[in-house]
Amino acid sequence: MRIFRPSSSAASSRPRPLGAGCWNLPTVSAVGALGLSALALVLPVDFVTESPGPTFNTTGDYKDRKLISIEGANTFPTDGRLDMTTVQVAGGPNSTIGALQVLSSWFEPSHAVLPSDLVYSPAVSSQEVSERNSADMTNSQEIAQAAALTYLGVGYGETLTVTGTAEGSPSAGVFEQGDIIRAVNDQPLSSYQSLTQALDASAGQPVLVSFERAGESQQLELTPTFNEHAGRYVLGLYISRTFDFPLKVTYGLDQVGGPSAGLMFSLGIVDVLTDGSMTGGKHFAGTGSIETDGTVGSIGGIEQKMKGAREAGAQVFLAPAANCPDVVGAVPEGLAVVSVSSLAEAADAVTRIGAGEDPAVFPTCS
């Protein structure tokens, strides 16, 4: 640091400008602090933000393609909207975000900010996330089709194939990849639900499992164990489900991942395969995973999905009953929420509201 001393002349008593090699320390400190603060705001942070995403009408078009196209069955014109809802996610393996974006989301009521580790495994890659989301969506679409056909009373086949076993489980070292599970206690399995129901009915007692390996039928006696996380009895099998449908459903949406569109896909298929106006021209939206028996499961990001639905003009939102604790206090003004536990309940609500009934007479979250 240079030190400037005044000369003996009168003029030198005035402050002298600092030379090129000299700095005003308080100014430098302030500029440095501001620079560091600005840098900190744009540096990547280990958080994920969730915000309302776009909606897609499952009975409408997307990029000049039908969102749901069906071959092999009579189809009927539809009106109104049955929107699937989405959440936009920033951060994690797929993208980087800075502290400024996190802070702005923190103060936006319709956004959520979560530590990245709560959403993604620390070791997961962007490609793995994309592949998992794509697989979840494909599986969700197939199960949605199965649920719709079950609701409509149309038969189909389901095959349960072993893809692996959990370490330390009753199945470890017993089943092989590619084994096809056929029956439990000599009762043929028609679906994955029939397998879980049979194991629950055992109450932990040994069961006789019939399966097919390389074209040969075999049987084994195993004792199911209770899985606290799943809340049911299991064998520790990882199962791939494949379906044999009497008709073909093609989906015109490929850039959205995850299982939460199951309910709305099922409703869309039911509407396309059913003569008459299901929605009555009204604008519905919703979310929820689906099972082949029509059970509606909970999902994440419902607050953002309700906001996105209302911004898109939806009048009624179908919410999984299991998500009601997340719905209370977060419903946008002007949006009626109907709580549903099954595809049958959802279809009944849409049909009756479409016919003119007040959404307020249906179960809601309170």
Protein backbone atom coordinates (compact mmCIF):
# COMPACT_ATOMS: atom_id res chain seq x y z
CA MET A 1 0.00 0.00 0.00
CA ARG A 2 1.28 3.44 -0.95
CA ILE A 3 1.16 6.41 1.46
CA PHE A 4 0.59 9.88 0.00
CA ARG A 5 1.96 12.86 1.90
CA PRO A 6 0.92 16.52 1.26
CA SER A 7 3.59 19.02 -0.03
CA SER A 8 4.41 22.29 1.73
CA SER A 9 2.58 24.43 -0.80
CA ALA A 10 -0.88 25.77 -0.07
CA ALA A 11 -2.35 24.00 -3.04
CA SER A 12 -1.15 20.72 -1.66
CA SER A 13 -3.50 21.02 1.30
CA ARG A 14 -6.36 19.91 -0.95
CA PRO A 15 -7.04 16.19 -1.26
CA ARG A 16 -5.08 14.59 -4.06
CA PRO A 17 -6.60 12.03 -6.41
CA LEU A 18 -5.40 8.52 -5.91
CA GLY A 19 -2.99 7.24 -8.53
CA ALA A 20 -3.38 4.09 -10.60
CA GLY A 21 -1.48 2.06 -8.07
CA CYS A 22 -3.51 3.21 -5.06
CA TRP A 23 -6.91 1.98 -3.73
CA ASN A 24 -9.44 3.41 -1.38
CA LEU A 25 -9.76 0.51 1.10
CA PRO A 26 -13.37 1.04 2.25
CA THR A 27 -14.47 1.24 -1.40
CA VAL A 28 -12.52 -1.88 -2.31
CA SER A 29 -14.07 -3.78 0.61
CA ALA A 30 -17.57 -2.79 -0.43
CA VAL A 31 -16.96 -3.66 -4.08
CA GLY A 32 -15.39 -6.95 -3.08
CA ALA A 33 -18.27 -7.82 -0.79
CA LEU A 34 -20.78 -6.99 -3.50
CA GLY A 35 -18.84 -9.06 -6.00
CA LEU A 36 -18.67 -12.03 -3.69
CA SER A 37 -22.37 -11.70 -2.91
CA ALA A 38 -23.22 -11.58 -6.61
CA LEU A 39 -21.00 -14.57 -7.23
CA ALA A 40 -22.66 -16.50 -4.39
CA LEU A 41 -26.09 -15.83 -5.89
CA VAL A 42 -25.18 -17.43 -9.22
CA LEU A 43 -23.06 -20.32 -7.97
CA PRO A 44 -24.83 -23.71 -8.11
CA VAL A 45 -26.54 -24.81 -4.88
CA ASP A 46 -27.65 -28.23 -3.73
CA PHE A 47 -31.38 -27.58 -3.84
CA VAL A 48 -34.31 -28.46 -6.08
CA THR A 49 -37.19 -26.11 -6.89
CA GLU A 50 -40.66 -27.19 -7.93
CA SER A 51 -43.08 -24.86 -9.72
CA PRO A 52 -46.40 -25.22 -11.60
CA GLY A 53 -45.88 -26.91 -14.96
CA PRO A 54 -48.01 -27.07 -18.12
CA THR A 55 -51.22 -29.10 -18.37
CA PHE A 56 -52.15 -31.51 -21.16
CA ASN A 57 -55.68 -32.46 -22.16
CA THR A 58 -55.69 -36.26 -22.30
CA THR A 59 -58.64 -36.26 -24.70
CA GLY A 60 -57.21 -33.51 -26.89
CA ASP A 61 -54.29 -32.92 -29.25
CA TYR A 62 -50.65 -32.13 -28.62
CA LYS A 63 -48.37 -31.02 -31.46
CA ASP A 64 -50.88 -32.16 -34.09
CA ARG A 65 -51.20 -35.61 -32.49
CA LYS A 66 -53.92 -37.10 -30.34
CA LEU A 67 -52.71 -37.42 -26.77
CA ILE A 68 -54.59 -40.75 -26.65
CA SER A 69 -55.13 -42.77 -29.85
CA ILE A 70 -56.93 -46.13 -29.71
CA GLU A 71 -56.93 -48.91 -32.30
CA GLY A 72 -58.98 -52.10 -32.18
CA ALA A 73 -62.12 -50.68 -30.56
CA ASN A 74 -64.94 -48.25 -31.28
CA THR A 75 -64.08 -44.72 -30.19
CA PHE A 76 -66.30 -41.68 -29.71
CA PRO A 77 -65.90 -37.87 -29.93
CA THR A 78 -65.12 -36.03 -26.70
CA ASP A 79 -65.62 -32.50 -25.46
CA GLY A 80 -64.43 -30.49 -22.48
CA ARG A 81 -61.02 -31.20 -20.96
CA LEU A 82 -59.47 -33.87 -18.75
CA ASP A 83 -56.09 -32.32 -18.01
CA MET A 84 -53.11 -34.14 -16.60
CA THR A 85 -51.00 -31.74 -14.55
CA THR A 86 -47.23 -31.44 -14.19
CA VAL A 87 -44.55 -29.92 -12.01
CA GLN A 88 -41.48 -28.17 -13.38
CA VAL A 89 -38.35 -29.25 -11.49
CA ALA A 90 -35.09 -27.30 -11.56
CA GLY A 91 -31.86 -28.43 -9.94
CA GLY A 92 -30.60 -31.88 -9.10
CA PRO A 93 -28.89 -34.04 -11.74
CA ASN A 94 -30.84 -32.54 -14.65
CA SER A 95 -29.88 -28.89 -14.25
CA THR A 96 -28.01 -26.46 -12.04
CA ILE A 97 -29.59 -23.55 -10.21
CA GLY A 98 -28.12 -20.65 -8.26
CA ALA A 99 -28.96 -19.24 -4.86
CA LEU A 100 -30.86 -16.33 -6.46
CA GLN A 101 -33.27 -18.74 -8.17
CA VAL A 102 -33.68 -20.67 -4.93
CA LEU A 103 -34.38 -17.47 -2.99
CA SER A 104 -36.96 -16.26 -5.50
CA SER A 105 -38.71 -19.63 -5.36
CA TRP A 106 -38.59 -19.56 -1.56
CA PHE A 107 -40.74 -16.42 -1.51
CA GLU A 108 -43.16 -17.62 -4.22
CA PRO A 109 -46.18 -19.34 -2.55
CA SER A 110 -46.78 -21.72 -5.45
CA HIS A 111 -43.15 -22.91 -5.52
CA ALA A 112 -41.37 -25.44 -3.30
CA VAL A 113 -37.69 -25.60 -2.35
CA LEU A 114 -36.25 -28.94 -1.25
CA PRO A 115 -32.75 -30.22 -0.49
CA SER A 116 -31.61 -32.19 -3.54
CA ASP A 117 -30.90 -35.30 -1.44
CA LEU A 118 -34.60 -35.54 -0.54
CA VAL A 119 -35.53 -35.82 -4.21
CA TYR A 120 -32.57 -37.60 -5.80
CA SER A 121 -29.96 -40.07 -4.62
CA PRO A 122 -26.60 -38.25 -4.42
CA ALA A 123 -25.03 -40.75 -6.86
CA VAL A 124 -27.78 -40.70 -9.50
CA SER A 125 -26.92 -39.24 -12.92
CA SER A 126 -28.99 -37.09 -15.27
CA GLN A 127 -29.30 -40.00 -17.69
CA GLU A 128 -30.47 -42.33 -14.92
CA VAL A 129 -33.12 -39.82 -13.83
CA SER A 130 -34.33 -39.44 -17.42
CA GLU A 131 -34.46 -43.20 -17.97
CA ARG A 132 -36.29 -43.76 -14.67
CA ASN A 133 -38.86 -41.04 -15.44
CA SER A 134 -39.41 -42.48 -18.92
CA ALA A 135 -39.84 -46.00 -17.53
CA ASP A 136 -42.23 -44.72 -14.86
CA MET A 137 -44.33 -42.93 -17.48
CA THR A 138 -44.45 -45.98 -19.76
CA ASN A 139 -45.43 -48.21 -16.85
CA SER A 140 -48.02 -45.64 -15.73
CA GLN A 141 -49.56 -45.55 -19.21
CA GLU A 142 -49.85 -49.33 -19.40
CA ILE A 143 -51.38 -49.58 -15.93
CA ALA A 144 -53.74 -46.70 -16.78
CA GLN A 145 -54.94 -48.69 -19.78
CA ALA A 146 -55.42 -51.77 -17.61
CA ALA A 147 -57.34 -49.73 -15.02
CA ALA A 148 -59.61 -48.24 -17.69
CA LEU A 149 -60.35 -51.67 -19.18
CA THR A 150 -61.03 -53.11 -15.72
CA TYR A 151 -63.49 -50.26 -15.08
CA LEU A 152 -65.18 -50.89 -18.45
CA GLY A 153 -65.32 -54.66 -17.88
CA VAL A 154 -62.96 -55.49 -20.76
CA GLY A 155 -60.67 -58.48 -20.13
CA TYR A 156 -56.89 -58.56 -20.66
CA GLY A 157 -53.90 -60.64 -19.55
CA GLU A 158 -51.08 -59.72 -17.17
CA THR A 159 -47.79 -61.60 -16.78
CA LEU A 160 -45.59 -61.28 -13.68
CA THR A 161 -41.91 -61.85 -14.47
CA VAL A 162 -39.13 -61.90 -11.88
CA THR A 163 -36.39 -59.34 -12.55
CA GLY A 164 -34.52 -59.86 -9.26
CA THR A 165 -34.77 -60.60 -5.55
CA ALA A 166 -34.11 -58.55 -2.42
CA GLU A 167 -31.03 -59.53 -0.44
CA GLY A 168 -31.94 -61.54 2.67
CA SER A 169 -35.54 -62.02 1.53
CA PRO A 170 -37.37 -65.39 1.32
CA SER A 171 -36.85 -65.30 -2.46
CA ALA A 172 -33.09 -64.64 -2.42
CA GLY A 173 -31.18 -67.51 -4.01
CA VAL A 174 -34.43 -69.26 -4.90
CA PHE A 175 -35.93 -67.41 -7.86
CA GLU A 176 -34.05 -66.49 -11.01
CA GLN A 177 -34.44 -63.59 -13.41
CA GLY A 178 -37.02 -64.54 -16.02
CA ASP A 179 -39.11 -66.79 -13.78
CA ILE A 180 -42.84 -66.23 -14.36
CA ILE A 181 -45.05 -66.32 -11.24
CA ARG A 182 -48.24 -68.21 -12.06
CA ALA A 183 -50.13 -69.06 -8.84
CA VAL A 184 -50.11 -68.91 -5.02
CA ASN A 185 -51.60 -71.86 -3.10
CA ASP A 186 -52.85 -73.21 -6.43
CA GLN A 187 -54.87 -70.04 -7.08
CA PRO A 188 -53.95 -68.60 -10.52
CA LEU A 189 -52.74 -65.01 -10.45
CA SER A 190 -54.59 -62.66 -12.78
CA SER A 191 -52.70 -59.50 -11.78
CA TYR A 192 -50.04 -58.06 -9.51
CA GLN A 193 -52.80 -57.16 -7.04
CA SER A 194 -53.87 -60.79 -6.86
CA LEU A 195 -50.29 -61.67 -5.85
CA THR A 196 -50.15 -59.06 -3.08
CA GLN A 197 -53.62 -60.04 -1.87
CA ALA A 198 -52.63 -63.71 -1.70
CA LEU A 199 -49.51 -62.92 0.31
CA ASP A 200 -51.46 -60.68 2.71
CA ALA A 201 -54.05 -63.41 3.16
CA SER A 202 -51.27 -65.75 4.29
CA ALA A 203 -50.67 -63.57 7.39
CA GLY A 204 -47.08 -64.77 7.42
CA GLN A 205 -47.83 -68.48 7.03
CA PRO A 206 -45.99 -70.54 4.35
CA VAL A 207 -47.41 -70.32 0.82
CA LEU A 208 -46.98 -72.58 -2.21
CA VAL A 209 -45.72 -70.54 -5.17
CA SER A 210 -46.14 -71.97 -8.66
CA PHE A 211 -43.87 -70.55 -11.34
CA GLU A 212 -42.49 -71.24 -14.78
CA ARG A 213 -38.77 -71.41 -15.52
CA ALA A 214 -37.53 -71.91 -19.06
CA GLY A 215 -40.91 -73.35 -20.02
CA GLU A 216 -41.07 -75.84 -17.14
CA SER A 217 -43.59 -75.59 -14.28
CA GLN A 218 -42.18 -75.68 -10.75
CA GLN A 219 -43.41 -75.11 -7.17
CA LEU A 220 -41.75 -73.83 -4.00
CA GLU A 221 -42.97 -73.29 -0.45
CA LEU A 222 -41.90 -69.95 1.00
CA THR A 223 -42.82 -67.94 4.09
CA PRO A 224 -43.69 -64.26 3.41
CA THR A 225 -42.25 -61.60 5.71
CA PHE A 226 -43.94 -58.34 6.75
CA ASN A 227 -42.45 -55.24 5.15
CA GLU A 228 -42.97 -52.22 7.43
CA HIS A 229 -42.37 -49.71 4.65
CA ALA A 230 -44.88 -51.32 2.26
CA GLY A 231 -47.28 -52.24 5.07
CA ARG A 232 -47.87 -55.76 3.74
CA TYR A 233 -46.43 -59.26 3.45
CA VAL A 234 -43.83 -59.78 0.72
CA LEU A 235 -41.54 -62.42 -0.74
CA GLY A 236 -38.82 -59.97 -1.72
CA LEU A 237 -39.45 -60.28 -5.45
CA TYR A 238 -38.81 -57.56 -8.01
CA ILE A 239 -41.54 -57.99 -10.62
CA SER A 240 -41.90 -56.74 -14.18
CA ARG A 241 -45.51 -56.51 -15.34
CA THR A 242 -46.42 -57.02 -18.98
CA PHE A 243 -49.93 -56.84 -20.39
CA ASP A 244 -51.79 -58.50 -23.24
CA PHE A 245 -54.49 -56.02 -24.25
CA PRO A 246 -57.30 -56.58 -26.79
CA LEU A 247 -56.78 -53.06 -28.14
CA LYS A 248 -53.85 -50.73 -28.70
CA VAL A 249 -53.49 -47.35 -26.99
CA THR A 250 -50.83 -44.93 -28.27
CA TYR A 251 -49.84 -41.84 -26.29
CA GLY A 252 -48.74 -38.66 -28.07
CA LEU A 253 -46.69 -37.25 -25.20
CA ASP A 254 -43.09 -38.22 -24.63
CA GLN A 255 -41.30 -35.46 -22.74
CA VAL A 256 -43.13 -35.85 -19.43
CA GLY A 257 -42.04 -38.48 -16.90
CA GLY A 258 -43.29 -40.11 -13.73
CA PRO A 259 -46.36 -42.10 -12.63
CA SER A 260 -48.67 -39.30 -11.48
CA ALA A 261 -50.66 -38.99 -14.74
CA GLY A 262 -52.17 -42.45 -14.31
CA LEU A 263 -55.61 -41.35 -13.12
CA MET A 264 -56.09 -38.77 -15.88
CA PHE A 265 -54.86 -41.15 -18.59
CA SER A 266 -57.38 -43.73 -17.34
CA LEU A 267 -60.20 -41.18 -17.42
CA GLY A 268 -59.17 -40.11 -20.91
CA ILE A 269 -59.30 -43.71 -22.17
CA VAL A 270 -62.69 -44.25 -20.52
CA ASP A 271 -64.03 -41.06 -22.13
CA VAL A 272 -62.76 -41.98 -25.62
CA LEU A 273 -64.25 -45.50 -25.35
CA THR A 274 -67.62 -44.32 -23.96
CA ASP A 275 -70.41 -42.89 -26.08
CA GLY A 276 -71.78 -39.53 -24.92
CA SER A 277 -70.40 -36.43 -23.26
CA MET A 278 -68.58 -37.43 -20.08
CA THR A 279 -67.39 -33.93 -19.13
CA GLY A 280 -70.42 -31.99 -20.34
CA GLY A 281 -67.95 -29.58 -21.94
CA LYS A 282 -66.46 -28.61 -18.57
CA HIS A 283 -62.77 -28.21 -17.77
CA PHE A 284 -61.44 -30.84 -15.34
CA ALA A 285 -57.88 -31.42 -14.20
CA GLY A 286 -56.31 -33.82 -11.75
CA THR A 287 -53.48 -36.06 -10.70
CA GLY A 288 -52.82 -39.38 -9.02
CA SER A 289 -51.11 -42.67 -9.67
CA ILE A 290 -53.34 -45.59 -10.63
CA GLU A 291 -53.41 -49.34 -10.10
CA THR A 292 -55.00 -51.94 -12.37
CA ASP A 293 -57.90 -52.34 -9.93
CA GLY A 294 -58.54 -48.57 -10.16
CA THR A 295 -57.03 -47.59 -6.81
CA VAL A 296 -55.75 -43.97 -6.88
CA GLY A 297 -52.48 -43.34 -5.09
CA SER A 298 -50.80 -40.25 -3.68
CA ILE A 299 -48.28 -38.17 -5.62
CA GLY A 300 -45.89 -35.28 -5.02
CA GLY A 301 -46.19 -31.62 -5.97
CA ILE A 302 -49.95 -31.41 -5.70
CA GLU A 303 -49.85 -27.77 -4.57
CA GLN A 304 -48.01 -26.81 -7.75
CA LYS A 305 -50.33 -28.96 -9.86
CA MET A 306 -53.47 -27.28 -8.49
CA LYS A 307 -51.95 -23.87 -9.22
CA GLY A 308 -51.04 -24.90 -12.77
CA ALA A 309 -54.50 -26.36 -13.31
CA ARG A 310 -56.25 -23.18 -12.24
CA GLU A 311 -53.95 -21.02 -14.37
CA ALA A 312 -54.91 -23.20 -17.34
CA GLY A 313 -58.60 -22.55 -16.64
CA ALA A 314 -59.67 -25.74 -14.86
CA GLN A 315 -62.87 -25.54 -12.83
CA VAL A 316 -62.66 -28.87 -10.99
CA PHE A 317 -59.56 -30.67 -9.71
CA LEU A 318 -59.52 -34.41 -8.91
CA ALA A 319 -57.14 -35.00 -6.00
CA PRO A 320 -56.08 -38.34 -4.47
CA ALA A 321 -57.71 -38.73 -1.06
CA ALA A 322 -54.30 -39.69 0.32
CA ASN A 323 -53.02 -36.22 -0.62
CA CYS A 324 -55.71 -34.33 1.31
CA PRO A 325 -53.29 -33.15 4.06
CA ASP A 326 -51.27 -31.40 1.31
CA VAL A 327 -54.39 -29.95 -0.33
CA VAL A 328 -55.92 -28.24 2.70
CA GLY A 329 -55.07 -24.54 2.72
CA ALA A 330 -53.44 -24.64 -0.71
CA VAL A 331 -56.45 -24.63 -3.07
CA PRO A 332 -56.36 -21.69 -5.54
CA GLU A 333 -59.37 -19.41 -5.57
CA GLY A 334 -62.01 -20.52 -8.05
CA LEU A 335 -60.95 -24.18 -8.12
CA ALA A 336 -63.24 -26.88 -6.70
CA VAL A 337 -61.39 -29.94 -5.38
CA VAL A 338 -62.99 -33.39 -5.41
CA SER A 339 -61.26 -36.06 -3.34
CA VAL A 340 -61.14 -39.51 -4.98
CA SER A 341 -59.80 -42.91 -3.97
CA SER A 342 -60.60 -44.85 -7.14
CA LEU A 343 -61.12 -44.50 -10.86
CA ALA A 344 -64.79 -45.34 -10.34
CA GLU A 345 -65.21 -42.40 -7.95
CA ALA A 346 -63.39 -40.07 -10.35
CA ALA A 347 -65.44 -41.16 -13.37
CA ASP A 348 -68.66 -40.80 -11.38
CA ALA A 349 -67.72 -37.27 -10.26
CA VAL A 350 -66.76 -36.16 -13.78
CA THR A 351 -69.95 -37.59 -15.31
CA ARG A 352 -72.29 -36.11 -12.71
CA ILE A 353 -70.59 -32.70 -12.57
CA GLY A 354 -70.56 -32.71 -16.37
CA ALA A 355 -74.30 -33.31 -16.24
CA GLY A 356 -74.77 -30.25 -14.03
CA GLU A 357 -74.36 -31.37 -10.41
CA ASP A 358 -72.61 -29.00 -8.01
CA PRO A 359 -69.00 -30.07 -7.24
CA ALA A 360 -69.68 -29.09 -3.62
CA VAL A 361 -71.84 -32.20 -3.09
CA PHE A 362 -68.82 -34.48 -3.67
CA PRO A 363 -66.16 -35.39 -1.08
CA THR A 364 -63.41 -32.82 -0.75
CA CYS A 365 -60.35 -32.23 1.41
CA SER A 366 -61.05 -30.44 4.68
